[in-house]
């Protein structure tokens, strides 16, 4: 799950991660956070200046492959950018 907010100030985009106990024990949560951080870092350049990105890991992220995490992250970023720009968000289904 991805949330994106563009504050009134500028500066470099920033990212934060929310990984609850539902994902797993501390070792699993830290592993998920490291994997997400690795995936988000190169994507920060695609965000508007001053953007705040929050990535919330859901329980399936504990067993997801890196490719699956990257696909889910890219999908979430696309939806968050559309929502931020005011364009209608296309939902799957």
PDB file of N, CA and C in Angstrom:
ATOM      1  N   UNK A   1       0.849  -1.150   0.000  1.00  0.00           N
ATOM      2  CA  UNK A   1       0.000   0.000   0.000  1.00  0.00           C
ATOM      3  C   UNK A   1       0.903   1.224   0.000  1.00  0.00           C
ATOM      4  N   UNK A   2       0.602   2.190  -0.863  1.00  0.00           N
ATOM      5  CA  UNK A   2       1.442   3.371  -1.027  1.00  0.00           C
ATOM      6  C   UNK A   2       0.607   4.627  -0.854  1.00  0.00           C
ATOM      7  N   UNK A   3       1.118   5.563  -0.068  1.00  0.00           N
ATOM      8  CA  UNK A   3       0.489   6.868   0.118  1.00  0.00           C
ATOM      9  C   UNK A   3       1.502   7.916  -0.300  1.00  0.00           C
ATOM     10  N   UNK A   4       1.037   8.944  -1.027  1.00  0.00           N
ATOM     11  CA  UNK A   4       1.926   9.987  -1.513  1.00  0.00           C
ATOM     12  C   UNK A   4       1.310  11.333  -1.216  1.00  0.00           C
ATOM     13  N   UNK A   5       2.122  12.253  -0.680  1.00  0.00           N
ATOM     14  CA  UNK A   5       1.661  13.595  -0.369  1.00  0.00           C
ATOM     15  C   UNK A   5       2.730  14.571  -0.821  1.00  0.00           C
ATOM     16  N   UNK A   6       2.302  15.672  -1.406  1.00  0.00           N
ATOM     17  CA  UNK A   6       3.239  16.702  -1.829  1.00  0.00           C
ATOM     18  C   UNK A   6       3.030  17.922  -0.932  1.00  0.00           C
ATOM     19  N   UNK A   7       3.976  18.170  -0.014  1.00  0.00           N
ATOM     20  CA  UNK A   7       3.824  19.329   0.860  1.00  0.00           C
ATOM     21  C   UNK A   7       4.084  20.626   0.092  1.00  0.00           C
ATOM     22  N   UNK A   8       3.785  21.752   0.707  1.00  0.00           N
ATOM     23  CA  UNK A   8       3.960  23.038   0.039  1.00  0.00           C
ATOM     24  C   UNK A   8       5.429  23.384  -0.150  1.00  0.00           C
ATOM     25  N   UNK A   9       6.314  22.887   0.704  1.00  0.00           N
ATOM     26  CA  UNK A   9       7.749  23.165   0.576  1.00  0.00           C
ATOM     27  C   UNK A   9       8.397  22.306  -0.488  1.00  0.00           C
ATOM     28  N   UNK A  10       9.617  22.655  -0.862  1.00  0.00           N
ATOM     29  CA  UNK A  10      10.352  21.875  -1.852  1.00  0.00           C
ATOM     30  C   UNK A  10      11.281  20.895  -1.164  1.00  0.00           C
ATOM     31  N   UNK A  11      12.385  20.641  -1.808  1.00  0.00           N
ATOM     32  CA  UNK A  11      13.366  19.723  -1.250  1.00  0.00           C
ATOM     33  C   UNK A  11      13.274  18.363  -1.895  1.00  0.00           C
ATOM     34  N   UNK A  12      14.137  17.494  -1.461  1.00  0.00           N
ATOM     35  CA  UNK A  12      14.179  16.141  -2.016  1.00  0.00           C
ATOM     36  C   UNK A  12      12.996  15.320  -1.503  1.00  0.00           C
ATOM     37  N   UNK A  13      12.481  14.421  -2.332  1.00  0.00           N
ATOM     38  CA  UNK A  13      11.425  13.524  -1.859  1.00  0.00           C
ATOM     39  C   UNK A  13      11.937  12.641  -0.726  1.00  0.00           C
ATOM     40  N   UNK A  14      11.048  12.287   0.192  1.00  0.00           N
ATOM     41  CA  UNK A  14      11.413  11.434   1.324  1.00  0.00           C
ATOM     42  C   UNK A  14      10.460  10.251   1.383  1.00  0.00           C
ATOM     43  N   UNK A  15      10.937   9.155   1.957  1.00  0.00           N
ATOM     44  CA  UNK A  15      10.129   7.940   2.072  1.00  0.00           C
ATOM     45  C   UNK A  15      10.172   7.417   3.497  1.00  0.00           C
ATOM     46  N   UNK A  16       9.061   6.830   3.914  1.00  0.00           N
ATOM     47  CA  UNK A  16       8.971   6.175   5.206  1.00  0.00           C
ATOM     48  C   UNK A  16       8.268   4.843   5.024  1.00  0.00           C
ATOM     49  N   UNK A  17       8.475   3.943   5.966  1.00  0.00           N
ATOM     50  CA  UNK A  17       7.936   2.593   5.850  1.00  0.00           C
ATOM     51  C   UNK A  17       7.174   2.228   7.109  1.00  0.00           C
ATOM     52  N   UNK A  18       6.038   1.552   6.926  1.00  0.00           N
ATOM     53  CA  UNK A  18       5.240   1.047   8.034  1.00  0.00           C
ATOM     54  C   UNK A  18       5.154  -0.458   7.852  1.00  0.00           C
ATOM     55  N   UNK A  19       5.742  -1.186   8.799  1.00  0.00           N
ATOM     56  CA  UNK A  19       5.734  -2.651   8.735  1.00  0.00           C
ATOM     57  C   UNK A  19       5.256  -3.137  10.105  1.00  0.00           C
ATOM     58  N   UNK A  20       4.009  -3.555  10.166  1.00  0.00           N
ATOM     59  CA  UNK A  20       3.416  -3.935  11.448  1.00  0.00           C
ATOM     60  C   UNK A  20       3.794  -5.358  11.856  1.00  0.00           C
ATOM     61  N   UNK A  21       3.436  -5.692  13.076  1.00  0.00           N
ATOM     62  CA  UNK A  21       3.703  -7.036  13.594  1.00  0.00           C
ATOM     63  C   UNK A  21       2.945  -8.111  12.827  1.00  0.00           C
ATOM     64  N   UNK A  22       1.906  -7.710  12.101  1.00  0.00           N
ATOM     65  CA  UNK A  22       1.157  -8.676  11.294  1.00  0.00           C
ATOM     66  C   UNK A  22       2.024  -9.270  10.187  1.00  0.00           C
ATOM     67  N   UNK A  23       3.075  -8.558   9.795  1.00  0.00           N
ATOM     68  CA  UNK A  23       3.973  -9.038   8.744  1.00  0.00           C
ATOM     69  C   UNK A  23       4.838 -10.182   9.251  1.00  0.00           C
ATOM     70  N   UNK A  24       5.233 -10.128  10.510  1.00  0.00           N
ATOM     71  CA  UNK A  24       6.066 -11.182  11.073  1.00  0.00           C
ATOM     72  C   UNK A  24       6.820 -10.688  12.288  1.00  0.00           C
ATOM     73  N   UNK A  25       7.763 -11.498  12.740  1.00  0.00           N
ATOM     74  CA  UNK A  25       8.562 -11.101  13.904  1.00  0.00           C
ATOM     75  C   UNK A  25       9.548 -10.003  13.503  1.00  0.00           C
ATOM     76  N   UNK A  26      10.345  -9.532  14.451  1.00  0.00           N
ATOM     77  CA  UNK A  26      11.243  -8.408  14.204  1.00  0.00           C
ATOM     78  C   UNK A  26      12.213  -8.669  13.062  1.00  0.00           C
ATOM     79  N   UNK A  27      12.738  -9.874  12.973  1.00  0.00           N
ATOM     80  CA  UNK A  27      13.685 -10.206  11.912  1.00  0.00           C
ATOM     81  C   UNK A  27      13.017 -10.083  10.547  1.00  0.00           C
ATOM     82  N   UNK A  28      11.823 -10.605  10.420  1.00  0.00           N
ATOM     83  CA  UNK A  28      11.086 -10.547   9.156  1.00  0.00           C
ATOM     84  C   UNK A  28      10.727  -9.104   8.817  1.00  0.00           C
ATOM     85  N   UNK A  29      10.261  -8.348   9.806  1.00  0.00           N
ATOM     86  CA  UNK A  29       9.882  -6.946   9.559  1.00  0.00           C
ATOM     87  C   UNK A  29      11.079  -6.132   9.082  1.00  0.00           C
ATOM     88  N   UNK A  30      12.235  -6.323   9.708  1.00  0.00           N
ATOM     89  CA  UNK A  30      13.422  -5.581   9.287  1.00  0.00           C
ATOM     90  C   UNK A  30      13.868  -6.001   7.888  1.00  0.00           C
ATOM     91  N   UNK A  31      13.756  -7.272   7.575  1.00  0.00           N
ATOM     92  CA  UNK A  31      14.109  -7.744   6.230  1.00  0.00           C
ATOM     93  C   UNK A  31      13.198  -7.100   5.186  1.00  0.00           C
ATOM     94  N   UNK A  32      11.903  -7.068   5.465  1.00  0.00           N
ATOM     95  CA  UNK A  32      10.952  -6.441   4.542  1.00  0.00           C
ATOM     96  C   UNK A  32      11.283  -4.959   4.378  1.00  0.00           C
ATOM     97  N   UNK A  33      11.577  -4.277   5.465  1.00  0.00           N
ATOM     98  CA  UNK A  33      11.923  -2.858   5.393  1.00  0.00           C
ATOM     99  C   UNK A  33      13.165  -2.640   4.541  1.00  0.00           C
ATOM    100  N   UNK A  34      14.194  -3.455   4.728  1.00  0.00           N
ATOM    101  CA  UNK A  34      15.422  -3.324   3.932  1.00  0.00           C
ATOM    102  C   UNK A  34      15.149  -3.551   2.452  1.00  0.00           C
ATOM    103  N   UNK A  35      14.338  -4.565   2.154  1.00  0.00           N
ATOM    104  CA  UNK A  35      14.024  -4.858   0.756  1.00  0.00           C
ATOM    105  C   UNK A  35      13.236  -3.709   0.123  1.00  0.00           C
ATOM    106  N   UNK A  36      12.270  -3.170   0.867  1.00  0.00           N
ATOM    107  CA  UNK A  36      11.487  -2.049   0.344  1.00  0.00           C
ATOM    108  C   UNK A  36      12.357  -0.801   0.169  1.00  0.00           C
ATOM    109  N   UNK A  37      13.227  -0.532   1.132  1.00  0.00           N
ATOM    110  CA  UNK A  37      14.122   0.626   1.037  1.00  0.00           C
ATOM    111  C   UNK A  37      14.985   0.520  -0.220  1.00  0.00           C
ATOM    112  N   UNK A  38      15.491  -0.678  -0.485  1.00  0.00           N
ATOM    113  CA  UNK A  38      16.316  -0.911  -1.666  1.00  0.00           C
ATOM    114  C   UNK A  38      15.521  -0.643  -2.950  1.00  0.00           C
ATOM    115  N   UNK A  39      14.247  -1.016  -2.964  1.00  0.00           N
ATOM    116  CA  UNK A  39      13.406  -0.817  -4.144  1.00  0.00           C
ATOM    117  C   UNK A  39      12.959   0.637  -4.303  1.00  0.00           C
ATOM    118  N   UNK A  40      12.743   1.328  -3.199  1.00  0.00           N
ATOM    119  CA  UNK A  40      12.234   2.705  -3.257  1.00  0.00           C
ATOM    120  C   UNK A  40      13.326   3.686  -3.661  1.00  0.00           C
ATOM    121  N   UNK A  41      14.548   3.476  -3.199  1.00  0.00           N
ATOM    122  CA  UNK A  41      15.632   4.445  -3.410  1.00  0.00           C
ATOM    123  C   UNK A  41      15.732   4.922  -4.866  1.00  0.00           C
ATOM    124  N   UNK A  42      15.806   4.038  -5.880  1.00  0.00           N
ATOM    125  CA  UNK A  42      15.928   4.550  -7.252  1.00  0.00           C
ATOM    126  C   UNK A  42      14.635   5.181  -7.788  1.00  0.00           C
ATOM    127  N   UNK A  43      13.513   4.914  -7.145  1.00  0.00           N
ATOM    128  CA  UNK A  43      12.239   5.452  -7.612  1.00  0.00           C
ATOM    129  C   UNK A  43      11.950   6.846  -7.044  1.00  0.00           C
ATOM    130  N   UNK A  44      12.700   7.284  -6.057  1.00  0.00           N
ATOM    131  CA  UNK A  44      12.480   8.604  -5.463  1.00  0.00           C
ATOM    132  C   UNK A  44      12.671   9.721  -6.485  1.00  0.00           C
ATOM    133  N   UNK A  45      13.566   9.516  -7.456  1.00  0.00           N
ATOM    134  CA  UNK A  45      13.809  10.537  -8.483  1.00  0.00           C
ATOM    135  C   UNK A  45      12.577  10.789  -9.347  1.00  0.00           C
ATOM    136  N   UNK A  46      11.665   9.837  -9.403  1.00  0.00           N
ATOM    137  CA  UNK A  46      10.463   9.966 -10.223  1.00  0.00           C
ATOM    138  C   UNK A  46       9.372  10.776  -9.523  1.00  0.00           C
ATOM    139  N   UNK A  47       9.572  11.079  -8.251  1.00  0.00           N
ATOM    140  CA  UNK A  47       8.559  11.793  -7.475  1.00  0.00           C
ATOM    141  C   UNK A  47       8.777  13.293  -7.553  1.00  0.00           C
ATOM    142  N   UNK A  48       7.701  14.067  -7.374  1.00  0.00           N
ATOM    143  CA  UNK A  48       7.849  15.518  -7.399  1.00  0.00           C
ATOM    144  C   UNK A  48       8.684  16.010  -6.219  1.00  0.00           C
ATOM    145  N   UNK A  49       9.331  17.174  -6.364  1.00  0.00           N
ATOM    146  CA  UNK A  49      10.141  17.718  -5.268  1.00  0.00           C
ATOM    147  C   UNK A  49       9.309  17.902  -3.995  1.00  0.00           C
ATOM    148  N   UNK A  50       9.881  17.523  -2.884  1.00  0.00           N
ATOM    149  CA  UNK A  50       9.207  17.685  -1.602  1.00  0.00           C
ATOM    150  C   UNK A  50       8.147  16.641  -1.306  1.00  0.00           C
ATOM    151  N   UNK A  51       8.006  15.644  -2.165  1.00  0.00           N
ATOM    152  CA  UNK A  51       6.986  14.615  -1.964  1.00  0.00           C
ATOM    153  C   UNK A  51       7.308  13.772  -0.739  1.00  0.00           C
ATOM    154  N   UNK A  52       6.270  13.358  -0.058  1.00  0.00           N
ATOM    155  CA  UNK A  52       6.393  12.445   1.075  1.00  0.00           C
ATOM    156  C   UNK A  52       5.733  11.133   0.686  1.00  0.00           C
ATOM    157  N   UNK A  53       6.489  10.065   0.721  1.00  0.00           N
ATOM    158  CA  UNK A  53       6.015   8.741   0.334  1.00  0.00           C
ATOM    159  C   UNK A  53       5.978   7.852   1.566  1.00  0.00           C
ATOM    160  N   UNK A  54       4.843   7.184   1.768  1.00  0.00           N
ATOM    161  CA  UNK A  54       4.725   6.214   2.849  1.00  0.00           C
ATOM    162  C   UNK A  54       4.361   4.877   2.219  1.00  0.00           C
ATOM    163  N   UNK A  55       5.181   3.873   2.479  1.00  0.00           N
ATOM    164  CA  UNK A  55       4.934   2.524   1.975  1.00  0.00           C
ATOM    165  C   UNK A  55       4.549   1.663   3.169  1.00  0.00           C
ATOM    166  N   UNK A  56       3.350   1.101   3.109  1.00  0.00           N
ATOM    167  CA  UNK A  56       2.861   0.243   4.185  1.00  0.00           C
ATOM    168  C   UNK A  56       2.908  -1.202   3.700  1.00  0.00           C
ATOM    169  N   UNK A  57       3.703  -2.012   4.374  1.00  0.00           N
ATOM    170  CA  UNK A  57       3.862  -3.413   3.990  1.00  0.00           C
ATOM    171  C   UNK A  57       2.708  -4.233   4.557  1.00  0.00           C
ATOM    172  N   UNK A  58       2.104  -5.027   3.717  1.00  0.00           N
ATOM    173  CA  UNK A  58       1.040  -5.931   4.140  1.00  0.00           C
ATOM    174  C   UNK A  58       1.648  -7.310   4.415  1.00  0.00           C
ATOM    175  N   UNK A  59       0.965  -8.178   5.152  1.00  0.00           N
ATOM    176  CA  UNK A  59       1.537  -9.481   5.517  1.00  0.00           C
ATOM    177  C   UNK A  59       2.108 -10.307   4.363  1.00  0.00           C
ATOM    178  N   UNK A  60       1.508 -10.331   3.166  1.00  0.00           N
ATOM    179  CA  UNK A  60       2.109 -11.129   2.089  1.00  0.00           C
ATOM    180  C   UNK A  60       3.496 -10.659   1.658  1.00  0.00           C
ATOM    181  N   UNK A  61       3.889  -9.446   2.030  1.00  0.00           N
ATOM    182  CA  UNK A  61       5.209  -8.947   1.635  1.00  0.00           C
ATOM    183  C   UNK A  61       6.333  -9.745   2.290  1.00  0.00           C
ATOM    184  N   UNK A  62       6.043 -10.447   3.377  1.00  0.00           N
ATOM    185  CA  UNK A  62       7.063 -11.235   4.068  1.00  0.00           C
ATOM    186  C   UNK A  62       7.574 -12.382   3.201  1.00  0.00           C
ATOM    187  N   UNK A  63       6.715 -12.931   2.355  1.00  0.00           N
ATOM    188  CA  UNK A  63       7.107 -14.078   1.531  1.00  0.00           C
ATOM    189  C   UNK A  63       7.186 -13.741   0.046  1.00  0.00           C
ATOM    190  N   UNK A  64       6.946 -12.491  -0.311  1.00  0.00           N
ATOM    191  CA  UNK A  64       6.968 -12.091  -1.717  1.00  0.00           C
ATOM    192  C   UNK A  64       8.395 -12.047  -2.242  1.00  0.00           C
ATOM    193  N   UNK A  65       8.541 -12.356  -3.523  1.00  0.00           N
ATOM    194  CA  UNK A  65       9.850 -12.238  -4.159  1.00  0.00           C
ATOM    195  C   UNK A  65      10.152 -10.761  -4.395  1.00  0.00           C
ATOM    196  N   UNK A  66      11.397 -10.458  -4.699  1.00  0.00           N
ATOM    197  CA  UNK A  66      11.775  -9.074  -4.985  1.00  0.00           C
ATOM    198  C   UNK A  66      11.034  -8.552  -6.209  1.00  0.00           C
ATOM    199  N   UNK A  67      10.841  -9.402  -7.200  1.00  0.00           N
ATOM    200  CA  UNK A  67      10.118  -8.992  -8.401  1.00  0.00           C
ATOM    201  C   UNK A  67       8.659  -8.665  -8.070  1.00  0.00           C
ATOM    202  N   UNK A  68       8.039  -9.481  -7.213  1.00  0.00           N
ATOM    203  CA  UNK A  68       6.654  -9.213  -6.814  1.00  0.00           C
ATOM    204  C   UNK A  68       6.561  -7.920  -6.015  1.00  0.00           C
ATOM    205  N   UNK A  69       7.497  -7.703  -5.102  1.00  0.00           N
ATOM    206  CA  UNK A  69       7.496  -6.457  -4.328  1.00  0.00           C
ATOM    207  C   UNK A  69       7.672  -5.257  -5.254  1.00  0.00           C
ATOM    208  N   UNK A  70       8.576  -5.363  -6.223  1.00  0.00           N
ATOM    209  CA  UNK A  70       8.822  -4.264  -7.159  1.00  0.00           C
ATOM    210  C   UNK A  70       7.574  -3.976  -7.991  1.00  0.00           C
ATOM    211  N   UNK A  71       6.906  -5.031  -8.474  1.00  0.00           N
ATOM    212  CA  UNK A  71       5.676  -4.839  -9.256  1.00  0.00           C
ATOM    213  C   UNK A  71       4.595  -4.172  -8.419  1.00  0.00           C
ATOM    214  N   UNK A  72       4.420  -4.638  -7.185  1.00  0.00           N
ATOM    215  CA  UNK A  72       3.413  -4.048  -6.304  1.00  0.00           C
ATOM    216  C   UNK A  72       3.751  -2.596  -5.978  1.00  0.00           C
ATOM    217  N   UNK A  73       5.016  -2.313  -5.746  1.00  0.00           N
ATOM    218  CA  UNK A  73       5.442  -0.952  -5.455  1.00  0.00           C
ATOM    219  C   UNK A  73       5.192  -0.036  -6.653  1.00  0.00           C
ATOM    220  N   UNK A  74       5.557  -0.481  -7.845  1.00  0.00           N
ATOM    221  CA  UNK A  74       5.335   0.323  -9.048  1.00  0.00           C
ATOM    222  C   UNK A  74       3.851   0.579  -9.281  1.00  0.00           C
ATOM    223  N   UNK A  75       3.040  -0.437  -9.066  1.00  0.00           N
ATOM    224  CA  UNK A  75       1.594  -0.284  -9.218  1.00  0.00           C
ATOM    225  C   UNK A  75       1.047   0.728  -8.208  1.00  0.00           C
ATOM    226  N   UNK A  76       1.489   0.619  -6.967  1.00  0.00           N
ATOM    227  CA  UNK A  76       1.051   1.548  -5.934  1.00  0.00           C
ATOM    228  C   UNK A  76       1.500   2.969  -6.210  1.00  0.00           C
ATOM    229  N   UNK A  77       2.724   3.130  -6.707  1.00  0.00           N
ATOM    230  CA  UNK A  77       3.221   4.466  -7.044  1.00  0.00           C
ATOM    231  C   UNK A  77       2.428   5.087  -8.185  1.00  0.00           C
ATOM    232  N   UNK A  78       2.095   4.288  -9.204  1.00  0.00           N
ATOM    233  CA  UNK A  78       1.290   4.815 -10.316  1.00  0.00           C
ATOM    234  C   UNK A  78      -0.062   5.306  -9.813  1.00  0.00           C
ATOM    235  N   UNK A  79      -0.709   4.502  -8.986  1.00  0.00           N
ATOM    236  CA  UNK A  79      -2.027   4.890  -8.448  1.00  0.00           C
ATOM    237  C   UNK A  79      -1.906   6.123  -7.559  1.00  0.00           C
ATOM    238  N   UNK A  80      -0.861   6.188  -6.740  1.00  0.00           N
ATOM    239  CA  UNK A  80      -0.687   7.336  -5.848  1.00  0.00           C
ATOM    240  C   UNK A  80      -0.416   8.608  -6.645  1.00  0.00           C
ATOM    241  N   UNK A  81       0.375   8.511  -7.724  1.00  0.00           N
ATOM    242  CA  UNK A  81       0.641   9.693  -8.557  1.00  0.00           C
ATOM    243  C   UNK A  81      -0.627  10.175  -9.241  1.00  0.00           C
ATOM    244  N   UNK A  82      -1.449   9.239  -9.741  1.00  0.00           N
ATOM    245  CA  UNK A  82      -2.711   9.628 -10.370  1.00  0.00           C
ATOM    246  C   UNK A  82      -3.618  10.318  -9.364  1.00  0.00           C
ATOM    247  N   UNK A  83      -3.684   9.769  -8.164  1.00  0.00           N
ATOM    248  CA  UNK A  83      -4.538  10.346  -7.122  1.00  0.00           C
ATOM    249  C   UNK A  83      -4.049  11.746  -6.751  1.00  0.00           C
ATOM    250  N   UNK A  84      -2.732  11.910  -6.648  1.00  0.00           N
ATOM    251  CA  UNK A  84      -2.136  13.197  -6.291  1.00  0.00           C
ATOM    252  C   UNK A  84      -2.410  14.241  -7.360  1.00  0.00           C
ATOM    253  N   UNK A  85      -2.376  13.823  -8.631  1.00  0.00           N
ATOM    254  CA  UNK A  85      -2.597  14.761  -9.720  1.00  0.00           C
ATOM    255  C   UNK A  85      -4.076  15.055  -9.949  1.00  0.00           C
ATOM    256  N   UNK A  86      -4.945  14.317  -9.287  1.00  0.00           N
ATOM    257  CA  UNK A  86      -6.387  14.549  -9.421  1.00  0.00           C
ATOM    258  C   UNK A  86      -7.041  13.722 -10.507  1.00  0.00           C
ATOM    259  N   UNK A  87      -6.271  12.916 -11.217  1.00  0.00           N
ATOM    260  CA  UNK A  87      -6.828  12.059 -12.256  1.00  0.00           C
ATOM    261  C   UNK A  87      -7.567  10.901 -11.607  1.00  0.00           C
ATOM    262  N   UNK A  88      -8.589  10.361 -12.280  1.00  0.00           N
ATOM    263  CA  UNK A  88      -9.305   9.222 -11.704  1.00  0.00           C
ATOM    264  C   UNK A  88      -8.382   8.014 -11.555  1.00  0.00           C
ATOM    265  N   UNK A  89      -8.529   7.313 -10.450  1.00  0.00           N
ATOM    266  CA  UNK A  89      -7.715   6.143 -10.162  1.00  0.00           C
ATOM    267  C   UNK A  89      -8.409   4.922 -10.739  1.00  0.00           C
ATOM    268  N   UNK A  90      -7.705   4.169 -11.582  1.00  0.00           N
ATOM    269  CA  UNK A  90      -8.245   2.954 -12.169  1.00  0.00           C
ATOM    270  C   UNK A  90      -8.012   1.808 -11.211  1.00  0.00           C
ATOM    271  N   UNK A  91      -9.060   1.113 -10.841  1.00  0.00           N
ATOM    272  CA  UNK A  91      -8.926  -0.014  -9.919  1.00  0.00           C
ATOM    273  C   UNK A  91      -9.013  -1.305 -10.694  1.00  0.00           C
ATOM    274  N   UNK A  92      -8.334  -2.308 -10.202  1.00  0.00           N
ATOM    275  CA  UNK A  92      -8.356  -3.611 -10.845  1.00  0.00           C
ATOM    276  C   UNK A  92      -9.648  -4.351 -10.519  1.00  0.00           C
ATOM    277  N   UNK A  93      -9.936  -5.348 -11.338  1.00  0.00           N
ATOM    278  CA  UNK A  93     -11.103  -6.130 -10.995  1.00  0.00           C
ATOM    279  C   UNK A  93     -11.944  -6.529 -12.079  1.00  0.00           C
TER     280      UNK A  93
END
